[in-house]
Protein backbone atom coordinates (compact mmCIF):
# COMPACT_ATOMS: atom_id res chain seq x y z
CA MET A 1 36.88 -60.15 3.78
CA GLN A 2 40.00 -61.84 5.20
CA VAL A 3 42.67 -64.06 3.45
CA PHE A 4 45.52 -65.97 4.94
CA PRO A 5 48.04 -63.61 6.68
CA GLU A 6 51.01 -64.46 4.43
CA LEU A 7 48.75 -63.95 1.38
CA ALA A 8 47.51 -60.67 2.76
CA ASN A 9 51.29 -59.47 2.95
CA THR A 10 51.76 -60.47 -0.67
CA ILE A 11 48.58 -58.49 -1.68
CA GLU A 12 49.92 -55.43 0.10
CA LYS A 13 53.08 -55.72 -1.99
CA ALA A 14 51.00 -56.02 -5.09
CA LYS A 15 49.04 -52.99 -4.27
CA ALA A 16 52.17 -51.04 -3.86
CA LEU A 17 53.37 -51.84 -7.26
CA PRO A 18 53.14 -48.90 -9.80
CA LEU A 19 50.85 -49.28 -12.69
CA SER A 20 51.53 -47.45 -15.95
CA THR A 21 49.00 -45.60 -17.87
CA GLN A 22 49.57 -48.04 -20.75
CA ARG A 23 48.69 -50.93 -18.66
CA LYS A 24 45.64 -49.26 -17.29
CA ASP A 25 44.54 -48.56 -20.77
CA VAL A 26 44.99 -52.36 -21.59
CA LEU A 27 42.85 -53.32 -18.52
CA GLN A 28 40.01 -50.75 -19.12
CA GLU A 29 38.21 -53.05 -21.56
CA LEU A 30 38.15 -55.82 -18.81
CA ILE A 31 36.88 -53.14 -16.25
CA ASP A 32 34.16 -52.11 -18.71
CA TYR A 33 32.99 -55.73 -19.29
CA ILE A 34 32.83 -56.50 -15.60
CA GLN A 35 31.11 -53.22 -14.77
CA GLY A 36 28.61 -53.66 -17.62
CA LYS A 37 27.60 -57.26 -16.41
CA LYS A 38 27.36 -56.12 -12.81
CA GLU A 39 25.08 -53.16 -13.87
CA ILE A 40 22.52 -55.40 -15.42
CA GLY A 41 22.83 -58.11 -12.76
CA ALA A 42 24.19 -60.81 -15.20
CA PRO A 43 26.95 -63.29 -13.81
CA VAL A 44 30.42 -62.19 -14.49
CA GLN A 45 32.30 -65.14 -16.15
CA LEU A 46 35.93 -64.69 -17.08
CA ASN A 47 37.98 -67.38 -18.88
CA PHE A 48 41.67 -66.56 -18.87
CA ILE A 49 43.21 -68.35 -21.94
CA CYS A 50 46.79 -69.09 -22.84
CA THR A 51 48.23 -71.72 -25.13
CA HIS A 52 49.19 -74.41 -22.50
CA ASN A 53 47.07 -73.30 -19.46
CA SER A 54 49.93 -73.91 -17.24
CA ARG A 55 51.27 -70.47 -16.08
CA ARG A 56 50.02 -67.11 -16.94
CA SER A 57 46.41 -68.18 -17.24
CA GLN A 58 46.40 -70.07 -14.00
CA PHE A 59 47.98 -67.09 -12.12
CA SER A 60 45.30 -64.88 -13.76
CA GLN A 61 42.31 -67.14 -12.87
CA ILE A 62 43.54 -67.41 -9.24
CA TRP A 63 44.32 -63.83 -8.67
CA ALA A 64 41.21 -62.59 -10.35
CA GLN A 65 39.10 -64.77 -8.08
CA THR A 66 40.93 -63.65 -5.05
CA MET A 67 40.83 -60.02 -5.75
CA ALA A 68 37.05 -60.23 -6.64
CA TYR A 69 36.42 -61.83 -3.24
CA LEU A 70 38.41 -59.18 -1.45
CA HIS A 71 36.47 -56.36 -3.28
CA GLY A 72 33.19 -58.00 -2.64
CA ILE A 73 32.31 -58.71 -6.39
CA ALA A 74 30.68 -61.84 -7.52
CA VAL A 75 32.92 -63.24 -10.20
CA PHE A 76 33.31 -66.82 -11.61
CA SER A 77 36.83 -67.22 -12.77
CA TYR A 78 38.03 -69.89 -15.06
CA SER A 79 41.06 -70.67 -17.27
CA GLY A 80 41.90 -72.81 -20.26
CA GLY A 81 44.25 -73.31 -23.16
CA VAL A 82 44.60 -74.58 -26.74
CA GLU A 83 46.52 -77.68 -25.58
CA VAL A 84 46.44 -79.78 -22.34
CA THR A 85 49.64 -79.87 -20.44
CA ALA A 86 49.75 -79.36 -16.62
CA PHE A 87 49.59 -76.48 -14.15
CA ASN A 88 53.33 -76.07 -14.24
CA GLU A 89 55.03 -77.11 -10.91
CA ARG A 90 57.01 -73.94 -10.89
CA ALA A 91 53.87 -71.84 -11.06
CA VAL A 92 52.28 -73.97 -8.28
CA ALA A 93 55.29 -73.30 -6.08
CA SER A 94 55.04 -69.62 -6.74
CA VAL A 95 51.38 -69.60 -5.75
CA GLY A 96 52.44 -71.35 -2.51
CA ARG A 97 55.18 -68.74 -1.92
CA ALA A 98 52.56 -66.01 -2.30
CA GLY A 99 50.59 -67.37 0.63
CA PHE A 100 47.93 -69.55 -0.94
CA LYS A 101 47.45 -73.05 0.47
CA THR A 102 47.65 -75.77 -2.11
CA SER A 103 46.92 -79.46 -2.32
CA ALA A 104 47.32 -81.57 -5.42
CA ALA A 105 45.67 -84.84 -6.67
CA GLY A 106 46.91 -86.85 -9.56
CA ASP A 107 50.30 -86.97 -11.42
CA ALA A 108 50.49 -86.04 -14.97
CA ASN A 109 48.00 -83.15 -14.91
CA PRO A 110 47.12 -82.78 -11.23
CA LYS A 111 44.08 -80.98 -10.03
CA VAL A 112 45.43 -78.37 -7.61
CA ALA A 113 43.09 -77.05 -4.82
CA VAL A 114 44.04 -73.52 -4.21
CA LYS A 115 42.78 -71.83 -1.12
CA TYR A 116 43.01 -68.17 -0.22
CA ALA A 117 40.69 -68.12 2.88
CA ASP A 118 39.44 -70.66 5.31
CA HIS A 119 35.82 -70.02 4.61
CA ALA A 120 35.95 -69.76 0.88
CA ASP A 121 35.70 -72.64 -1.59
CA PRO A 122 39.06 -73.57 -3.14
CA ILE A 123 39.85 -72.82 -6.67
CA ILE A 124 40.38 -76.09 -8.54
CA ALA A 125 43.29 -75.30 -10.90
CA PHE A 126 44.45 -77.81 -13.72
CA SER A 127 45.37 -77.70 -17.34
CA LYS A 128 42.48 -77.97 -19.75
CA THR A 129 41.23 -76.63 -23.07
CA TYR A 130 39.26 -73.41 -22.98
CA ASP A 131 36.13 -75.38 -23.87
CA ASP A 132 36.57 -77.93 -21.17
CA PRO A 133 33.33 -78.93 -19.36
CA ALA A 134 34.55 -77.27 -16.25
CA ASN A 135 34.38 -73.95 -18.07
CA PRO A 136 31.37 -71.98 -19.23
CA GLU A 137 29.77 -72.62 -22.66
CA LYS A 138 28.64 -69.21 -23.25
CA GLY A 139 28.16 -65.81 -21.77
CA PHE A 140 31.83 -65.28 -20.76
CA ALA A 141 34.75 -62.98 -21.59
CA ALA A 142 37.73 -64.75 -23.23
CA VAL A 143 40.70 -62.84 -21.46
CA MET A 144 43.68 -63.69 -23.78
CA THR A 145 46.87 -63.72 -21.62
CA CYS A 146 49.57 -64.68 -24.09
CA SER A 147 50.17 -63.54 -27.62
CA HIS A 148 50.39 -67.06 -29.11
CA ALA A 149 46.89 -67.97 -28.02
CA ASP A 150 45.60 -64.61 -28.93
CA GLU A 151 47.01 -64.81 -32.43
CA ASN A 152 46.36 -68.46 -33.12
CA CYS A 153 42.86 -68.64 -31.77
CA PRO A 154 40.77 -66.30 -33.93
CA PHE A 155 37.50 -67.60 -32.71
CA ILE A 156 36.59 -68.71 -29.13
CA ALA A 157 33.21 -70.39 -29.33
CA GLY A 158 30.68 -68.98 -26.72
CA ALA A 159 32.63 -65.96 -25.81
CA GLU A 160 30.65 -62.67 -25.81
CA ALA A 161 33.83 -60.59 -25.44
CA ARG A 162 37.37 -61.25 -26.33
CA ILE A 163 39.87 -59.04 -24.34
CA PRO A 164 43.67 -59.12 -24.86
CA VAL A 165 45.60 -58.82 -21.46
CA ARG A 166 48.89 -60.29 -22.24
CA TYR A 167 51.80 -61.07 -19.95
CA GLU A 168 55.42 -62.13 -20.49
CA ASP A 169 56.02 -65.89 -19.96
CA PRO A 170 58.19 -66.75 -16.98
CA LYS A 171 58.96 -69.99 -18.73
CA ALA A 172 61.89 -68.21 -20.23
CA PHE A 173 63.72 -68.51 -16.92
CA ASP A 174 63.02 -72.13 -16.21
CA ASP A 175 66.07 -73.88 -14.74
CA THR A 176 68.07 -70.65 -14.27
CA GLU A 177 69.06 -68.90 -11.00
CA GLN A 178 66.24 -66.39 -11.53
CA GLU A 179 63.46 -68.93 -12.03
CA GLU A 180 61.75 -68.35 -8.57
CA GLU A 181 62.29 -64.70 -8.76
CA LYS A 182 60.78 -64.39 -12.24
CA TYR A 183 57.74 -66.50 -11.44
CA ASP A 184 57.04 -64.58 -8.39
CA GLU A 185 57.45 -61.31 -10.27
CA ARG A 186 54.93 -62.37 -12.84
CA SER A 187 52.43 -63.46 -10.29
CA LEU A 188 52.85 -60.25 -8.35
CA GLN A 189 52.24 -58.23 -11.47
CA ILE A 190 49.05 -60.16 -12.27
CA ALA A 191 48.00 -59.72 -8.67
CA SER A 192 48.53 -55.98 -8.90
CA GLU A 193 46.61 -55.67 -12.14
CA MET A 194 43.72 -57.88 -10.96
CA ASN A 195 43.43 -55.76 -7.79
CA TYR A 196 43.41 -52.62 -9.92
CA VAL A 197 40.54 -54.04 -12.14
CA PHE A 198 38.35 -54.94 -9.26
CA SER A 199 39.11 -51.76 -7.35
CA GLN A 200 37.52 -49.83 -10.35
CA ILE A 201 34.18 -51.62 -10.12
CA LYS A 202 31.38 -49.62 -8.69
């Protein structure tokens, strides 16, 4: 399984990041869910949920789909939020710096086609609610990527599992000198953790 060369370099950097025992413990529930679905031959559907579906949940959807592809595991990766905003332009730029190829259609809430390999279908990323028609209605894991959405969405209709995998928001560094660095840092962390998750699936 090959991805674009620049993206492959980013993935090697992600693989080299240390992963704490604490974070491995956080990810174990997600690993167990995917493994369980694989063992019974059921589709693996992951819906990464954050309040605005603009940064962390988008990174998570993209990296989960990419790492599943690299590890040869059939996964359907989605994302959604509580409110519709847009796939934040800073996050889109970070995805591009990581080596993905992106193209956008639309203005206020563009649909961004994100490609990781020439022969793989692009991920169509845009901000939407978690129950948008583009997402599964049932038989999915709701992976909560931010504390606000996790604490303010006590019930996700159709989810058969609810798994908290929270990340710090790079939004805190918007319009600062550290903006690009912090967005790329968060993206790389998520890449590292999604690689670990799928490397554990047997």
